[in-house]
């Protein structure tokens, strides 16, 4: 994602990726791979009683086959929370169309203190989403 959008990877700002196992030990962290390696990630965690979706990304070579929708639905099925929220860079227009098609409402924007001064839009979903067990996406 950083290469695709020309963004800086800032270790101090991306602390959750330094130790994914520890950071997401009480959360859901999904990865999808193909023969070429990692193609997608998504995470869901409890953030003050709200399901927060994070690290949602699908590589260009794996787009338009439903993988992003599958990952998003798996995140929405995780945990007991009714409300789901996420923040998404304003450049990720295709992802925003996916979120809207799944019932998310776009909200305000914020400017991050990262090296790129990224602008993100808030999305919220007040329903339960898709019930069920998250699919197994990787062995």
Protein backbone atom coordinates (compact mmCIF):
# COMPACT_ATOMS: atom_id res chain seq x y z
CA UNK A 1 0.00 0.00 0.00
CA UNK A 2 2.78 2.41 0.87
CA UNK A 3 4.49 1.82 -2.49
CA UNK A 4 1.25 1.92 -4.46
CA UNK A 5 0.24 5.31 -3.09
CA UNK A 6 3.74 6.76 -2.66
CA UNK A 7 3.43 7.02 1.11
CA UNK A 8 6.19 7.03 3.72
CA UNK A 9 6.34 4.11 6.15
CA UNK A 10 6.96 5.64 9.54
CA UNK A 11 7.89 3.00 12.15
CA UNK A 12 6.94 5.21 15.08
CA UNK A 13 3.56 5.95 13.56
CA UNK A 14 2.86 2.34 12.53
CA UNK A 15 3.54 0.79 15.94
CA UNK A 16 0.77 -1.79 15.60
CA UNK A 17 2.72 -3.44 12.75
CA UNK A 18 5.93 -3.81 14.76
CA UNK A 19 4.49 -6.83 16.58
CA UNK A 20 1.21 -7.87 14.95
CA UNK A 21 0.90 -10.94 17.17
CA UNK A 22 1.06 -8.88 20.35
CA UNK A 23 -0.95 -5.91 19.10
CA UNK A 24 -3.80 -8.01 17.76
CA UNK A 25 -3.66 -10.85 20.33
CA UNK A 26 -7.21 -10.09 21.48
CA UNK A 27 -8.42 -9.06 18.07
CA UNK A 28 -8.82 -10.43 14.56
CA UNK A 29 -6.02 -10.07 12.01
CA UNK A 30 -6.59 -11.66 8.61
CA UNK A 31 -4.18 -12.16 5.74
CA UNK A 32 -4.73 -13.51 2.24
CA UNK A 33 -1.98 -14.88 0.03
CA UNK A 34 -1.65 -16.17 -3.50
CA UNK A 35 1.27 -17.88 -5.22
CA UNK A 36 3.01 -14.50 -5.36
CA UNK A 37 2.73 -13.83 -1.63
CA UNK A 38 0.63 -11.59 0.58
CA UNK A 39 -2.24 -9.89 -1.27
CA UNK A 40 -4.56 -8.58 1.46
CA UNK A 41 -4.92 -7.78 5.13
CA UNK A 42 -7.70 -6.70 7.45
CA UNK A 43 -8.03 -6.40 11.20
CA UNK A 44 -10.83 -5.82 13.69
CA UNK A 45 -10.43 -4.87 17.31
CA UNK A 46 -12.46 -3.57 20.23
CA UNK A 47 -12.04 0.17 20.51
CA UNK A 48 -14.06 1.47 23.43
CA UNK A 49 -16.95 -0.92 22.83
CA UNK A 50 -16.96 -0.35 19.08
CA UNK A 51 -15.62 -2.77 16.46
CA UNK A 52 -12.82 -0.89 14.72
CA UNK A 53 -11.68 -2.17 11.32
CA UNK A 54 -8.02 -1.48 10.59
CA UNK A 55 -5.32 -2.41 8.09
CA UNK A 56 -7.84 -3.11 5.33
CA UNK A 57 -5.90 -3.42 2.08
CA UNK A 58 -6.08 -5.51 -1.09
CA UNK A 59 -3.18 -5.46 -3.57
CA UNK A 60 -4.06 -4.44 -7.14
CA UNK A 61 -3.52 -7.96 -8.50
CA UNK A 62 -6.19 -9.35 -6.14
CA UNK A 63 -8.87 -6.70 -6.59
CA UNK A 64 -12.29 -7.07 -8.19
CA UNK A 65 -12.76 -10.71 -7.16
CA UNK A 66 -14.63 -10.09 -3.89
CA UNK A 67 -11.68 -10.46 -1.53
CA UNK A 68 -12.11 -7.02 0.02
CA UNK A 69 -15.81 -7.67 0.64
CA UNK A 70 -15.00 -11.07 2.17
CA UNK A 71 -12.42 -9.54 4.51
CA UNK A 72 -14.72 -6.68 5.49
CA UNK A 73 -17.58 -9.06 6.23
CA UNK A 74 -15.29 -11.29 8.27
CA UNK A 75 -14.25 -8.27 10.34
CA UNK A 76 -17.88 -7.28 10.82
CA UNK A 77 -18.76 -10.80 12.00
CA UNK A 78 -16.04 -10.73 14.67
CA UNK A 79 -17.00 -9.89 18.24
CA UNK A 80 -20.25 -8.96 19.93
CA UNK A 81 -20.32 -5.28 18.97
CA UNK A 82 -23.13 -3.79 16.95
CA UNK A 83 -21.38 -0.65 15.75
CA UNK A 84 -18.44 -0.82 13.34
CA UNK A 85 -16.16 2.08 12.49
CA UNK A 86 -13.11 2.60 10.31
CA UNK A 87 -10.94 5.39 8.96
CA UNK A 88 -9.80 5.29 5.34
CA UNK A 89 -7.42 7.51 3.38
CA UNK A 90 -9.40 9.75 1.03
CA UNK A 91 -7.41 8.36 -1.91
CA UNK A 92 -8.91 4.89 -1.46
CA UNK A 93 -12.05 5.64 -3.49
CA UNK A 94 -12.66 2.03 -4.54
CA UNK A 95 -12.61 0.95 -0.90
CA UNK A 96 -15.06 3.74 -0.04
CA UNK A 97 -17.48 2.43 -2.67
CA UNK A 98 -17.21 -1.02 -1.04
CA UNK A 99 -17.89 0.40 2.43
CA UNK A 100 -20.95 2.29 1.20
CA UNK A 101 -22.26 -0.81 -0.60
CA UNK A 102 -22.02 -2.68 2.72
CA UNK A 103 -24.10 -0.05 4.54
CA UNK A 104 -21.41 2.24 5.93
CA UNK A 105 -22.06 5.96 6.16
CA UNK A 106 -19.27 8.41 5.36
CA UNK A 107 -18.48 10.96 8.03
CA UNK A 108 -15.95 13.70 8.69
CA UNK A 109 -12.31 13.78 7.66
CA UNK A 110 -9.21 14.14 9.81
CA UNK A 111 -5.59 15.00 9.05
CA UNK A 112 -3.03 12.67 10.59
CA UNK A 113 0.28 13.70 12.10
CA UNK A 114 2.13 11.16 9.95
CA UNK A 115 4.94 12.25 7.58
CA UNK A 116 2.48 12.39 4.66
CA UNK A 117 -0.11 14.45 6.55
CA UNK A 118 -2.64 11.87 5.33
CA UNK A 119 -6.31 12.81 5.17
CA UNK A 120 -8.71 10.09 6.28
CA UNK A 121 -12.50 9.82 6.13
CA UNK A 122 -14.51 8.22 8.92
CA UNK A 123 -17.01 5.47 8.07
CA UNK A 124 -19.57 3.97 10.45
CA UNK A 125 -22.01 1.07 10.30
CA UNK A 126 -24.68 0.86 12.98
CA UNK A 127 -25.96 -2.63 12.15
CA UNK A 128 -24.70 -6.07 12.99
CA UNK A 129 -23.26 -6.64 9.55
CA UNK A 130 -22.96 -10.19 8.33
CA UNK A 131 -23.36 -12.82 11.03
CA UNK A 132 -21.34 -15.96 11.09
CA UNK A 133 -17.84 -17.25 11.50
CA UNK A 134 -15.09 -15.44 9.62
CA UNK A 135 -13.99 -17.54 6.66
CA UNK A 136 -10.64 -19.27 6.72
CA UNK A 137 -8.55 -17.34 4.23
CA UNK A 138 -5.09 -18.81 4.80
CA UNK A 139 -3.78 -22.14 6.09
